Amino acid sequence: MHRSVIDALLPIGALIGALLLFGLFVWVGGVSPTDTWLLLFKGAFGDWFSWQNTLTRAAPLMLTALCVALPARAGLIIIGGEGALVLGGLAAAAVPYLMPLPGNVIGTVIVCAAGCALGAAWVALAGALRQYRGVNETISSLLLAYTAIAIFKQLVEGPMRDPATLNKPSTRTLDEAIRIGGIFGSDVHWGFVIGVVACIALGLWLALTARGFSVRVVGGNPRTAQLVGLPASRLILLACSLGGGCAGLAGAIEVAAVHTNANASLIAGYGYAGILVSFIARHSPVAIIPVAILFGGFGAAGSLLQRRLGLPDASVQVLQGIAFVLILGSEALRGVDWKAAGERFRRSMLPREVPLNSTVKPT
């Protein structure tokens, strides 16, 4: 089998392995693995209601996965999408505090653009720290995510808190005219379409444009990029900004389409789940679409597992954690020459020949 085919099958094998281990996990707790697997897929794709819930959850996963995938194509591992999403939602909720908004689609665009801009600037900061100060981008982006969450809580529970929200601190509710509605009357909001379009558009940008090709060269072979005179720092900041902008847009869409204001429910872990989605998709923007739908379905099935089998709603996060560990482990197998490895194993199993001039000591 061709090496590229094997490399493409590794994430699928890791995902199957994660499902098997998850079955073992629930079996230890006294729950049937078969019932768990059936309910997992029934809760995700069993009927139209399940599909609506799945696609709604897939929308932010697509955009936060792009926050990982685009910098990864430039050679950076950014895991701070949760921070960009949270600040994107905060920016969307803050716009009405700063200026009056028209009650039409223009107001919606302004709200989403604010979230996109703040998310882009936040993740670009991690790229700038790496390029100009030598700070590891993985660590800095994670710490920036925690910082963003702290800023979010401080503002939502303080200066931006709506006095009418007594039990759950929240910002003022967005005007209904600028909210993002459902697609043709369904519960699936237009953010899903925005996520699909963003994945396809950025996939085409990477594959067909000179700037996208330059980003891939910087990520694939930095020395070659330096020799041909590519502006590596600017391209890396561009990739980080685009990725952060997508995550910030995810937060703005969650506020404008789901929560209608900024509150603690926005911190739902979509940014962290997007890391897993991106790695399974091998940082391909187009491949992110089906993977995000799959993991959106797993998230949607969590409540069904809780109602039918008595499993905690967070048990799906155990599945995601197992999958992430196996995905990272499978990366070590990528590029292995399996034919040569098999030949070495075959030779190691053959009996060793004793040299003719060797002396065998009697026992």
Foldseek 3Di string as FASTA:
>chain_A
DDQVVVLLCLLVVLLVVLLVVLQVVVVVVVFHSVVVVVLLVCCCPVDPVNVQLLLQQLLLLLLLLLLQLLLLLLAAGALQLLLLLQVLLVQLQCVVVPDPADLAQRSLVVSLQRLLQSLLVLLLVLLCCCPPVVDRSHVVSNVSNVVSVVVSCCCQVPVQFDPVPDPFRWGDFADLSNFFECDVPDLRTCSSVVSLVLLVVVLCCLVPPPLNVLSNCNNPPVVVSVVVPHPSSVSSSVSNSSSSSSSSSSNSNCCRYPVRTRTPVSSPCSSNLSNLLCLSLVSRSNSSNVSSSSLSSSLSSLVVCCVPVVDHSCSSVVSSVSSSVSSVVSVVVRPDPVVVVVVVVVVVPDDDDDDPPDDDDDD
